[in-house]
PDB file of N, CA and C in Angstrom:
ATOM      1  N   MET A   1      91.899  72.586 107.579  1.00  0.00           N
ATOM      2  CA  MET A   1      91.183  73.735 108.091  1.00  0.00           C
ATOM      3  C   MET A   1      92.171  74.814 108.481  1.00  0.00           C
ATOM      4  N   TYR A   2      91.881  76.048 108.147  1.00  0.00           N
ATOM      5  CA  TYR A   2      92.755  77.175 108.446  1.00  0.00           C
ATOM      6  C   TYR A   2      92.757  77.450 109.941  1.00  0.00           C
ATOM      7  N   ARG A   3      93.929  77.583 110.517  1.00  0.00           N
ATOM      8  CA  ARG A   3      94.045  77.873 111.938  1.00  0.00           C
ATOM      9  C   ARG A   3      94.735  79.197 112.204  1.00  0.00           C
ATOM     10  N   GLY A   4      95.376  79.774 111.215  1.00  0.00           N
ATOM     11  CA  GLY A   4      95.991  81.085 111.400  1.00  0.00           C
ATOM     12  C   GLY A   4      97.339  81.006 112.090  1.00  0.00           C
ATOM     13  N   LYS A   5      97.999  82.148 112.110  1.00  0.00           N
ATOM     14  CA  LYS A   5      99.312  82.261 112.733  1.00  0.00           C
ATOM     15  C   LYS A   5      99.142  82.794 114.136  1.00  0.00           C
ATOM     16  N   ALA A   6     100.256  83.096 114.747  1.00  0.00           N
ATOM     17  CA  ALA A   6     100.209  83.677 116.089  1.00  0.00           C
ATOM     18  C   ALA A   6      99.426  84.980 116.050  1.00  0.00           C
ATOM     19  N   ASN A   7      98.515  85.140 116.959  1.00  0.00           N
ATOM     20  CA  ASN A   7      97.656  86.315 116.970  1.00  0.00           C
ATOM     21  C   ASN A   7      98.234  87.389 117.872  1.00  0.00           C
ATOM     22  N   THR A   8      99.130  88.155 117.300  1.00  0.00           N
ATOM     23  CA  THR A   8      99.692  89.287 118.011  1.00  0.00           C
ATOM     24  C   THR A   8      99.678  90.472 117.079  1.00  0.00           C
ATOM     25  N   VAL A   9      99.719  91.635 117.652  1.00  0.00           N
ATOM     26  CA  VAL A   9      99.754  92.834 116.825  1.00  0.00           C
ATOM     27  C   VAL A   9     101.002  92.822 115.952  1.00  0.00           C
ATOM     28  N   GLY A  10     102.111  92.282 116.454  1.00  0.00           N
ATOM     29  CA  GLY A  10     103.340  92.212 115.682  1.00  0.00           C
ATOM     30  C   GLY A  10     103.222  91.357 114.437  1.00  0.00           C
ATOM     31  N   ALA A  11     102.321  90.373 114.434  1.00  0.00           N
ATOM     32  CA  ALA A  11     102.121  89.521 113.266  1.00  0.00           C
ATOM     33  C   ALA A  11     101.312  90.234 112.186  1.00  0.00           C
ATOM     34  N   MET A  12     100.687  91.332 112.524  1.00  0.00           N
ATOM     35  CA  MET A  12      99.854  92.068 111.568  1.00  0.00           C
ATOM     36  C   MET A  12     100.705  93.096 110.829  1.00  0.00           C
ATOM     37  N   ARG A  13     101.500  92.593 109.890  1.00  0.00           N
ATOM     38  CA  ARG A  13     102.443  93.461 109.204  1.00  0.00           C
ATOM     39  C   ARG A  13     101.930  94.011 107.885  1.00  0.00           C
ATOM     40  N   TYR A  14     100.741  93.596 107.473  1.00  0.00           N
ATOM     41  CA  TYR A  14     100.148  94.089 106.237  1.00  0.00           C
ATOM     42  C   TYR A  14      99.147  95.198 106.551  1.00  0.00           C
ATOM     43  N   ARG A  15      98.820  96.000 105.548  1.00  0.00           N
ATOM     44  CA  ARG A  15      97.821  97.055 105.712  1.00  0.00           C
ATOM     45  C   ARG A  15      96.745  96.850 104.654  1.00  0.00           C
ATOM     46  N   ILE A  16      95.491  96.866 105.093  1.00  0.00           N
ATOM     47  CA  ILE A  16      94.363  96.685 104.189  1.00  0.00           C
ATOM     48  C   ILE A  16      93.440  97.889 104.275  1.00  0.00           C
ATOM     49  N   THR A  17      92.625  98.048 103.253  1.00  0.00           N
ATOM     50  CA  THR A  17      91.576  99.064 103.242  1.00  0.00           C
ATOM     51  C   THR A  17      90.247  98.332 103.160  1.00  0.00           C
ATOM     52  N   VAL A  18      89.355  98.626 104.084  1.00  0.00           N
ATOM     53  CA  VAL A  18      88.031  98.005 104.106  1.00  0.00           C
ATOM     54  C   VAL A  18      87.043  99.026 103.548  1.00  0.00           C
ATOM     55  N   GLN A  19      86.257  98.604 102.565  1.00  0.00           N
ATOM     56  CA  GLN A  19      85.283  99.488 101.921  1.00  0.00           C
ATOM     57  C   GLN A  19      83.885  98.925 102.079  1.00  0.00           C
ATOM     58  N   LYS A  20      82.916  99.838 102.142  1.00  0.00           N
ATOM     59  CA  LYS A  20      81.513  99.411 102.213  1.00  0.00           C
ATOM     60  C   LYS A  20      80.760  99.990 101.023  1.00  0.00           C
ATOM     61  N   PRO A  21      79.715  99.282 100.565  1.00  0.00           N
ATOM     62  CA  PRO A  21      78.949  99.770  99.414  1.00  0.00           C
ATOM     63  C   PRO A  21      77.938 100.830  99.826  1.00  0.00           C
ATOM     64  N   VAL A  22      77.757 101.790  98.927  1.00  0.00           N
ATOM     65  CA  VAL A  22      76.716 102.803  99.097  1.00  0.00           C
ATOM     66  C   VAL A  22      75.876 102.752  97.826  1.00  0.00           C
ATOM     67  N   LYS A  23      74.592 102.454  97.992  1.00  0.00           N
ATOM     68  CA  LYS A  23      73.695 102.321  96.840  1.00  0.00           C
ATOM     69  C   LYS A  23      72.887 103.592  96.666  1.00  0.00           C
ATOM     70  N   THR A  24      72.892 104.107  95.451  1.00  0.00           N
ATOM     71  CA  THR A  24      72.105 105.298  95.130  1.00  0.00           C
ATOM     72  C   THR A  24      71.334 105.049  93.839  1.00  0.00           C
ATOM     73  N   SER A  25      70.262 105.769  93.673  1.00  0.00           N
ATOM     74  CA  SER A  25      69.461 105.647  92.463  1.00  0.00           C
ATOM     75  C   SER A  25      69.799 106.809  91.536  1.00  0.00           C
ATOM     76  N   LEU A  26      70.172 106.490  90.304  1.00  0.00           N
ATOM     77  CA  LEU A  26      70.528 107.491  89.318  1.00  0.00           C
ATOM     78  C   LEU A  26      69.711 107.238  88.058  1.00  0.00           C
ATOM     79  N   GLN A  27      68.754 108.100  87.797  1.00  0.00           N
ATOM     80  CA  GLN A  27      67.858 107.983  86.649  1.00  0.00           C
ATOM     81  C   GLN A  27      67.193 106.613  86.606  1.00  0.00           C
ATOM     82  N   GLY A  28      66.719 106.162  87.744  1.00  0.00           N
ATOM     83  CA  GLY A  28      65.992 104.909  87.818  1.00  0.00           C
ATOM     84  C   GLY A  28      66.872 103.671  87.907  1.00  0.00           C
ATOM     85  N   GLN A  29      68.179 103.829  87.828  1.00  0.00           N
ATOM     86  CA  GLN A  29      69.108 102.705  87.921  1.00  0.00           C
ATOM     87  C   GLN A  29      69.804 102.722  89.276  1.00  0.00           C
ATOM     88  N   MET A  30      69.974 101.564  89.868  1.00  0.00           N
ATOM     89  CA  MET A  30      70.688 101.456  91.130  1.00  0.00           C
ATOM     90  C   MET A  30      72.183 101.438  90.834  1.00  0.00           C
ATOM     91  N   VAL A  31      72.904 102.366  91.433  1.00  0.00           N
ATOM     92  CA  VAL A  31      74.345 102.485  91.240  1.00  0.00           C
ATOM     93  C   VAL A  31      75.032 102.220  92.579  1.00  0.00           C
ATOM     94  N   VAL A  32      76.046 101.369  92.552  1.00  0.00           N
ATOM     95  CA  VAL A  32      76.796 101.049  93.768  1.00  0.00           C
ATOM     96  C   VAL A  32      78.153 101.729  93.688  1.00  0.00           C
ATOM     97  N   SER A  33      78.467 102.511  94.697  1.00  0.00           N
ATOM     98  CA  SER A  33      79.800 103.090  94.818  1.00  0.00           C
ATOM     99  C   SER A  33      80.384 102.624  96.145  1.00  0.00           C
ATOM    100  N   TRP A  34      81.693 102.687  96.251  1.00  0.00           N
ATOM    101  CA  TRP A  34      82.371 102.161  97.435  1.00  0.00           C
ATOM    102  C   TRP A  34      83.036 103.297  98.195  1.00  0.00           C
ATOM    103  N   VAL A  35      82.847 103.323  99.500  1.00  0.00           N
ATOM    104  CA  VAL A  35      83.484 104.314 100.355  1.00  0.00           C
ATOM    105  C   VAL A  35      84.361 103.585 101.375  1.00  0.00           C
ATOM    106  N   THR A  36      85.433 104.241 101.753  1.00  0.00           N
ATOM    107  CA  THR A  36      86.379 103.641 102.697  1.00  0.00           C
ATOM    108  C   THR A  36      85.827 103.690 104.108  1.00  0.00           C
ATOM    109  N   LEU A  37      85.811 102.525 104.739  1.00  0.00           N
ATOM    110  CA  LEU A  37      85.366 102.407 106.128  1.00  0.00           C
ATOM    111  C   LEU A  37      86.573 102.442 107.067  1.00  0.00           C
ATOM    112  N   HIS A  38      87.618 101.661 106.740  1.00  0.00           N
ATOM    113  CA  HIS A  38      88.857 101.619 107.521  1.00  0.00           C
ATOM    114  C   HIS A  38      90.023 101.629 106.537  1.00  0.00           C
ATOM    115  N   GLU A  39      90.949 102.550 106.725  1.00  0.00           N
ATOM    116  CA  GLU A  39      92.114 102.642 105.849  1.00  0.00           C
ATOM    117  C   GLU A  39      93.371 102.325 106.654  1.00  0.00           C
ATOM    118  N   GLU A  40      94.311 101.654 105.999  1.00  0.00           N
ATOM    119  CA  GLU A  40      95.572 101.277 106.650  1.00  0.00           C
ATOM    120  C   GLU A  40      95.335 100.430 107.908  1.00  0.00           C
ATOM    121  N   GLU A  41      94.360  99.538 107.825  1.00  0.00           N
ATOM    122  CA  GLU A  41      94.017  98.647 108.936  1.00  0.00           C
ATOM    123  C   GLU A  41      95.084  97.541 109.039  1.00  0.00           C
ATOM    124  N   PRO A  42      95.740  97.390 110.203  1.00  0.00           N
ATOM    125  CA  PRO A  42      96.730  96.321 110.354  1.00  0.00           C
ATOM    126  C   PRO A  42      96.065  94.947 110.225  1.00  0.00           C
ATOM    127  N   ALA A  43      96.718  94.053 109.499  1.00  0.00           N
ATOM    128  CA  ALA A  43      96.147  92.718 109.286  1.00  0.00           C
ATOM    129  C   ALA A  43      97.247  91.712 109.030  1.00  0.00           C
ATOM    130  N   ASP A  44      96.930  90.462 109.294  1.00  0.00           N
ATOM    131  CA  ASP A  44      97.771  89.353 108.872  1.00  0.00           C
ATOM    132  C   ASP A  44      97.076  88.746 107.665  1.00  0.00           C
ATOM    133  N   TYR A  45      97.840  88.254 106.707  1.00  0.00           N
ATOM    134  CA  TYR A  45      97.297  87.744 105.458  1.00  0.00           C
ATOM    135  C   TYR A  45      97.730  86.304 105.277  1.00  0.00           C
ATOM    136  N   GLU A  46      96.781  85.445 104.929  1.00  0.00           N
ATOM    137  CA  GLU A  46      97.077  84.042 104.655  1.00  0.00           C
ATOM    138  C   GLU A  46      96.380  83.646 103.360  1.00  0.00           C
ATOM    139  N   TYR A  47      97.173  83.258 102.362  1.00  0.00           N
ATOM    140  CA  TYR A  47      96.638  82.795 101.079  1.00  0.00           C
ATOM    141  C   TYR A  47      96.199  81.348 101.240  1.00  0.00           C
ATOM    142  N   VAL A  48      94.928  81.059 100.957  1.00  0.00           N
ATOM    143  CA  VAL A  48      94.408  79.704 101.172  1.00  0.00           C
ATOM    144  C   VAL A  48      93.697  79.135  99.955  1.00  0.00           C
ATOM    145  N   ARG A  49      93.868  79.728  98.796  1.00  0.00           N
ATOM    146  CA  ARG A  49      93.180  79.230  97.596  1.00  0.00           C
ATOM    147  C   ARG A  49      93.534  77.765  97.354  1.00  0.00           C
ATOM    148  N   GLY A  50      92.553  77.016  96.964  1.00  0.00           N
ATOM    149  CA  GLY A  50      92.770  75.608  96.683  1.00  0.00           C
ATOM    150  C   GLY A  50      92.476  74.706  97.865  1.00  0.00           C
ATOM    151  N   TYR A  51      92.171  75.290  98.989  1.00  0.00           N
ATOM    152  CA  TYR A  51      91.853  74.495 100.170  1.00  0.00           C
ATOM    153  C   TYR A  51      90.356  74.546 100.430  1.00  0.00           C
ATOM    154  N   GLY A  52      89.838  73.495 100.975  1.00  0.00           N
ATOM    155  CA  GLY A  52      88.471  73.496 101.462  1.00  0.00           C
ATOM    156  C   GLY A  52      88.514  73.513 102.976  1.00  0.00           C
ATOM    157  N   PHE A  53      87.445  73.880 103.598  1.00  0.00           N
ATOM    158  CA  PHE A  53      87.413  73.893 105.057  1.00  0.00           C
ATOM    159  C   PHE A  53      85.994  73.635 105.515  1.00  0.00           C
ATOM    160  N   THR A  54      85.843  73.318 106.767  1.00  0.00           N
ATOM    161  CA  THR A  54      84.540  73.006 107.321  1.00  0.00           C
ATOM    162  C   THR A  54      84.045  74.171 108.156  1.00  0.00           C
ATOM    163  N   ARG A  55      82.788  74.546 107.920  1.00  0.00           N
ATOM    164  CA  ARG A  55      82.152  75.597 108.705  1.00  0.00           C
ATOM    165  C   ARG A  55      80.734  75.134 108.997  1.00  0.00           C
ATOM    166  N   ASN A  56      80.376  75.096 110.254  1.00  0.00           N
ATOM    167  CA  ASN A  56      79.041  74.641 110.659  1.00  0.00           C
ATOM    168  C   ASN A  56      78.697  73.278 110.063  1.00  0.00           C
ATOM    169  N   ARG A  57      79.669  72.388 110.119  1.00  0.00           N
ATOM    170  CA  ARG A  57      79.520  71.024 109.614  1.00  0.00           C
ATOM    171  C   ARG A  57      79.292  70.921 108.112  1.00  0.00           C
ATOM    172  N   GLN A  58      79.558  71.987 107.372  1.00  0.00           N
ATOM    173  CA  GLN A  58      79.433  71.947 105.922  1.00  0.00           C
ATOM    174  C   GLN A  58      80.793  72.239 105.313  1.00  0.00           C
ATOM    175  N   PHE A  59      81.132  71.470 104.293  1.00  0.00           N
ATOM    176  CA  PHE A  59      82.402  71.686 103.611  1.00  0.00           C
ATOM    177  C   PHE A  59      82.262  72.878 102.688  1.00  0.00           C
ATOM    178  N   GLU A  60      83.176  73.823 102.798  1.00  0.00           N
ATOM    179  CA  GLU A  60      83.123  75.047 101.994  1.00  0.00           C
ATOM    180  C   GLU A  60      84.362  75.149 101.134  1.00  0.00           C
ATOM    181  N   GLU A  61      84.183  75.616  99.935  1.00  0.00           N
ATOM    182  CA  GLU A  61      85.296  75.912  99.055  1.00  0.00           C
ATOM    183  C   GLU A  61      85.123  77.330  98.553  1.00  0.00           C
ATOM    184  N   GLY A  62      86.136  77.844  97.927  1.00  0.00           N
ATOM    185  CA  GLY A  62      86.004  79.136  97.288  1.00  0.00           C
ATOM    186  C   GLY A  62      86.569  80.299  98.069  1.00  0.00           C
ATOM    187  N   VAL A  63      87.202  80.058  99.178  1.00  0.00           N
ATOM    188  CA  VAL A  63      87.852  81.143  99.897  1.00  0.00           C
ATOM    189  C   VAL A  63      89.279  81.249  99.368  1.00  0.00           C
ATOM    190  N   ASP A  64      89.699  82.469  99.017  1.00  0.00           N
ATOM    191  CA  ASP A  64      91.025  82.684  98.469  1.00  0.00           C
ATOM    192  C   ASP A  64      92.032  83.151  99.507  1.00  0.00           C
ATOM    193  N   ALA A  65      91.579  83.915 100.493  1.00  0.00           N
ATOM    194  CA  ALA A  65      92.501  84.456 101.495  1.00  0.00           C
ATOM    195  C   ALA A  65      91.770  84.689 102.805  1.00  0.00           C
ATOM    196  N   VAL A  66      92.535  84.626 103.892  1.00  0.00           N
ATOM    197  CA  VAL A  66      91.992  84.923 105.213  1.00  0.00           C
ATOM    198  C   VAL A  66      92.826  86.055 105.805  1.00  0.00           C
ATOM    199  N   PHE A  67      92.156  87.119 106.214  1.00  0.00           N
ATOM    200  CA  PHE A  67      92.807  88.248 106.869  1.00  0.00           C
ATOM    201  C   PHE A  67      92.452  88.204 108.349  1.00  0.00           C
ATOM    202  N   THR A  68      93.457  88.252 109.203  1.00  0.00           N
ATOM    203  CA  THR A  68      93.226  88.331 110.636  1.00  0.00           C
ATOM    204  C   THR A  68      93.415  89.784 111.047  1.00  0.00           C
ATOM    205  N   VAL A  69      92.403  90.350 111.690  1.00  0.00           N
ATOM    206  CA  VAL A  69      92.415  91.762 112.074  1.00  0.00           C
ATOM    207  C   VAL A  69      92.017  91.896 113.536  1.00  0.00           C
ATOM    208  N   ARG A  70      92.234  93.079 114.087  1.00  0.00           N
ATOM    209  CA  ARG A  70      91.758  93.354 115.435  1.00  0.00           C
ATOM    210  C   ARG A  70      90.236  93.364 115.414  1.00  0.00           C
ATOM    211  N   TYR A  71      89.633  93.018 116.527  1.00  0.00           N
ATOM    212  CA  TYR A  71      88.179  92.923 116.614  1.00  0.00           C
ATOM    213  C   TYR A  71      87.511  94.278 116.411  1.00  0.00           C
ATOM    214  N   ARG A  72      86.497  94.294 115.569  1.00  0.00           N
ATOM    215  CA  ARG A  72      85.581  95.431 115.382  1.00  0.00           C
ATOM    216  C   ARG A  72      84.204  94.820 115.157  1.00  0.00           C
ATOM    217  N   ASP A  73      83.180  95.522 115.582  1.00  0.00           N
ATOM    218  CA  ASP A  73      81.837  94.961 115.406  1.00  0.00           C
ATOM    219  C   ASP A  73      81.154  95.431 114.123  1.00  0.00           C
ATOM    220  N   ASP A  74      81.882  96.119 113.240  1.00  0.00           N
ATOM    221  CA  ASP A  74      81.226  96.640 112.036  1.00  0.00           C
ATOM    222  C   ASP A  74      81.651  95.950 110.735  1.00  0.00           C
ATOM    223  N   TYR A  75      82.296  94.790 110.792  1.00  0.00           N
ATOM    224  CA  TYR A  75      82.609  94.036 109.578  1.00  0.00           C
ATOM    225  C   TYR A  75      81.400  93.208 109.172  1.00  0.00           C
ATOM    226  N   ASP A  76      81.129  93.146 107.853  1.00  0.00           N
ATOM    227  CA  ASP A  76      80.047  92.286 107.374  1.00  0.00           C
ATOM    228  C   ASP A  76      80.330  91.831 105.946  1.00  0.00           C
ATOM    229  N   PRO A  77      79.628  90.796 105.472  1.00  0.00           N
ATOM    230  CA  PRO A  77      79.880  90.223 104.149  1.00  0.00           C
ATOM    231  C   PRO A  77      79.533  91.121 102.962  1.00  0.00           C
ATOM    232  N   GLU A  78      78.919  92.252 103.173  1.00  0.00           N
ATOM    233  CA  GLU A  78      78.672  93.162 102.047  1.00  0.00           C
ATOM    234  C   GLU A  78      79.903  93.991 101.713  1.00  0.00           C
ATOM    235  N   GLN A  79      80.884  93.995 102.584  1.00  0.00           N
ATOM    236  CA  GLN A  79      82.064  94.826 102.402  1.00  0.00           C
ATOM    237  C   GLN A  79      83.111  94.115 101.562  1.00  0.00           C
ATOM    238  N   ARG A  80      84.125  94.884 101.171  1.00  0.00           N
ATOM    239  CA  ARG A  80      85.243  94.302 100.444  1.00  0.00           C
ATOM    240  C   ARG A  80      86.547  94.873 100.992  1.00  0.00           C
ATOM    241  N   ILE A  81      87.630  94.190 100.676  1.00  0.00           N
ATOM    242  CA  ILE A  81      88.952  94.576 101.144  1.00  0.00           C
ATOM    243  C   ILE A  81      89.826  94.867  99.934  1.00  0.00           C
ATOM    244  N   LEU A  82      90.567  95.957  99.994  1.00  0.00           N
ATOM    245  CA  LEU A  82      91.570  96.273  98.987  1.00  0.00           C
ATOM    246  C   LEU A  82      92.925  95.950  99.589  1.00  0.00           C
ATOM    247  N   PHE A  83      93.632  95.026  98.946  1.00  0.00           N
ATOM    248  CA  PHE A  83      94.941  94.598  99.433  1.00  0.00           C
ATOM    249  C   PHE A  83      95.871  94.412  98.251  1.00  0.00           C
ATOM    250  N   GLU A  84      96.958  95.156  98.233  1.00  0.00           N
ATOM    251  CA  GLU A  84      97.962  95.088  97.182  1.00  0.00           C
ATOM    252  C   GLU A  84      97.358  95.164  95.789  1.00  0.00           C
ATOM    253  N   GLY A  85      96.421  96.092  95.600  1.00  0.00           N
ATOM    254  CA  GLY A  85      95.824  96.341  94.293  1.00  0.00           C
ATOM    255  C   GLY A  85      94.745  95.372  93.868  1.00  0.00           C
ATOM    256  N   GLU A  86      94.371  94.446  94.722  1.00  0.00           N
ATOM    257  CA  GLU A  86      93.336  93.464  94.394  1.00  0.00           C
ATOM    258  C   GLU A  86      92.189  93.573  95.395  1.00  0.00           C
ATOM    259  N   TYR A  87      90.965  93.368  94.887  1.00  0.00           N
ATOM    260  CA  TYR A  87      89.784  93.432  95.744  1.00  0.00           C
ATOM    261  C   TYR A  87      89.370  92.031  96.179  1.00  0.00           C
ATOM    262  N   TYR A  88      89.038  91.921  97.461  1.00  0.00           N
ATOM    263  CA  TYR A  88      88.579  90.669  98.049  1.00  0.00           C
ATOM    264  C   TYR A  88      87.213  90.924  98.675  1.00  0.00           C
ATOM    265  N   GLY A  89      86.203  90.177  98.251  1.00  0.00           N
ATOM    266  CA  GLY A  89      84.889  90.261  98.872  1.00  0.00           C
ATOM    267  C   GLY A  89      84.864  89.415 100.128  1.00  0.00           C
ATOM    268  N   ILE A  90      84.282  89.935 101.189  1.00  0.00           N
ATOM    269  CA  ILE A  90      84.217  89.180 102.437  1.00  0.00           C
ATOM    270  C   ILE A  90      83.135  88.119 102.318  1.00  0.00           C
ATOM    271  N   VAL A  91      83.518  86.858 102.483  1.00  0.00           N
ATOM    272  CA  VAL A  91      82.582  85.740 102.417  1.00  0.00           C
ATOM    273  C   VAL A  91      81.896  85.564 103.764  1.00  0.00           C
ATOM    274  N   PHE A  92      82.691  85.545 104.821  1.00  0.00           N
ATOM    275  CA  PHE A  92      82.120  85.526 106.164  1.00  0.00           C
ATOM    276  C   PHE A  92      83.144  86.026 107.175  1.00  0.00           C
ATOM    277  N   VAL A  93      82.640  86.422 108.314  1.00  0.00           N
ATOM    278  CA  VAL A  93      83.453  86.983 109.394  1.00  0.00           C
ATOM    279  C   VAL A  93      83.396  86.015 110.561  1.00  0.00           C
ATOM    280  N   ARG A  94      84.573  85.678 111.097  1.00  0.00           N
ATOM    281  CA  ARG A  94      84.612  84.722 112.204  1.00  0.00           C
ATOM    282  C   ARG A  94      85.396  85.312 113.368  1.00  0.00           C
ATOM    283  N   PRO A  95      84.703  85.641 114.462  1.00  0.00           N
ATOM    284  CA  PRO A  95      85.433  86.076 115.659  1.00  0.00           C
ATOM    285  C   PRO A  95      86.268  84.913 116.181  1.00  0.00           C
ATOM    286  N   MET A  96      87.467  85.210 116.589  1.00  0.00           N
ATOM    287  CA  MET A  96      88.345  84.172 117.119  1.00  0.00           C
ATOM    288  C   MET A  96      88.136  84.057 118.615  1.00  0.00           C
ATOM    289  N   ALA A  97      88.442  82.898 119.139  1.00  0.00           N
ATOM    290  CA  ALA A  97      88.234  82.640 120.563  1.00  0.00           C
ATOM    291  C   ALA A  97      89.067  83.584 121.412  1.00  0.00           C
ATOM    292  N   GLY A  98      88.471  84.064 122.472  1.00  0.00           N
ATOM    293  CA  GLY A  98      89.229  84.837 123.434  1.00  0.00           C
ATOM    294  C   GLY A  98      88.937  86.317 123.481  1.00  0.00           C
ATOM    295  N   ARG A  99      87.954  86.699 124.188  1.00  0.00           N
ATOM    296  CA  ARG A  99      87.675  88.085 124.566  1.00  0.00           C
ATOM    297  C   ARG A  99      87.547  89.078 123.425  1.00  0.00           C
ATOM    298  N   ASN A 100      87.087  88.651 122.291  1.00  0.00           N
ATOM    299  CA  ASN A 100      86.865  89.561 121.161  1.00  0.00           C
ATOM    300  C   ASN A 100      88.098  90.403 120.834  1.00  0.00           C
ATOM    301  N   ARG A 101      89.232  89.766 120.736  1.00  0.00           N
ATOM    302  CA  ARG A 101      90.458  90.491 120.431  1.00  0.00           C
ATOM    303  C   ARG A 101      90.767  90.492 118.946  1.00  0.00           C
ATOM    304  N   TYR A 102      90.488  89.371 118.265  1.00  0.00           N
ATOM    305  CA  TYR A 102      90.826  89.251 116.852  1.00  0.00           C
ATOM    306  C   TYR A 102      89.662  88.634 116.088  1.00  0.00           C
ATOM    307  N   MET A 103      89.675  88.849 114.759  1.00  0.00           N
ATOM    308  CA  MET A 103      88.661  88.291 113.881  1.00  0.00           C
ATOM    309  C   MET A 103      89.337  87.780 112.618  1.00  0.00           C
ATOM    310  N   GLU A 104      88.726  86.784 112.011  1.00  0.00           N
ATOM    311  CA  GLU A 104      89.165  86.323 110.700  1.00  0.00           C
ATOM    312  C   GLU A 104      88.149  86.778 109.672  1.00  0.00           C
ATOM    313  N   LEU A 105      88.640  87.393 108.601  1.00  0.00           N
ATOM    314  CA  LEU A 105      87.794  87.790 107.484  1.00  0.00           C
ATOM    315  C   LEU A 105      88.127  86.828 106.339  1.00  0.00           C
ATOM    316  N   HIS A 106      87.230  85.894 106.060  1.00  0.00           N
ATOM    317  CA  HIS A 106      87.416  84.932 104.984  1.00  0.00           C
ATOM    318  C   HIS A 106      86.936  85.595 103.707  1.00  0.00           C
ATOM    319  N   THR A 107      87.782  85.621 102.693  1.00  0.00           N
ATOM    320  CA  THR A 107      87.506  86.422 101.496  1.00  0.00           C
ATOM    321  C   THR A 107      87.698  85.638 100.204  1.00  0.00           C
ATOM    322  N   LYS A 108      87.133  86.191  99.155  1.00  0.00           N
ATOM    323  CA  LYS A 108      87.250  85.642  97.804  1.00  0.00           C
ATOM    324  C   LYS A 108      87.596  86.794  96.868  1.00  0.00           C
ATOM    325  N   VAL A 109      88.511  86.558  95.948  1.00  0.00           N
ATOM    326  CA  VAL A 109      88.885  87.588  94.990  1.00  0.00           C
ATOM    327  C   VAL A 109      87.683  87.947  94.137  1.00  0.00           C
ATOM    328  N   VAL A 110      87.440  89.252  93.971  1.00  0.00           N
ATOM    329  CA  VAL A 110      86.352  89.714  93.109  1.00  0.00           C
ATOM    330  C   VAL A 110      86.940  90.430  91.917  1.00  0.00           C
ATOM    331  N   LYS A 111      86.329  90.253  90.797  1.00  0.00           N
ATOM    332  CA  LYS A 111      86.817  90.870  89.544  1.00  0.00           C
ATOM    333  C   LYS A 111      86.190  92.215  89.316  1.00  0.00           C
TER     334      LYS A 111
END
């Protein structure tokens, strides 16, 4: 099970861009475009592909990376993360213990 590294601002040496989808109708077709919600967001990055983990007593697979970020209440699984030229879809968001200081964004690479 992923436990993460030391949770300090100093450990957040990577920068990510968080994007949210905007759905519009164009000639009867639903078109999804992405707008930036948070740019240059400090984060810690942990590559976890190939590992399974337990969540709510269920074994889960398919998470490729975990990003640890400062707490915000506007992260959700519809969003995606741009990191080093690759897009990661947020699978789930997990607040970490202790006064809403940090969160884990469990992600999967999207093509």
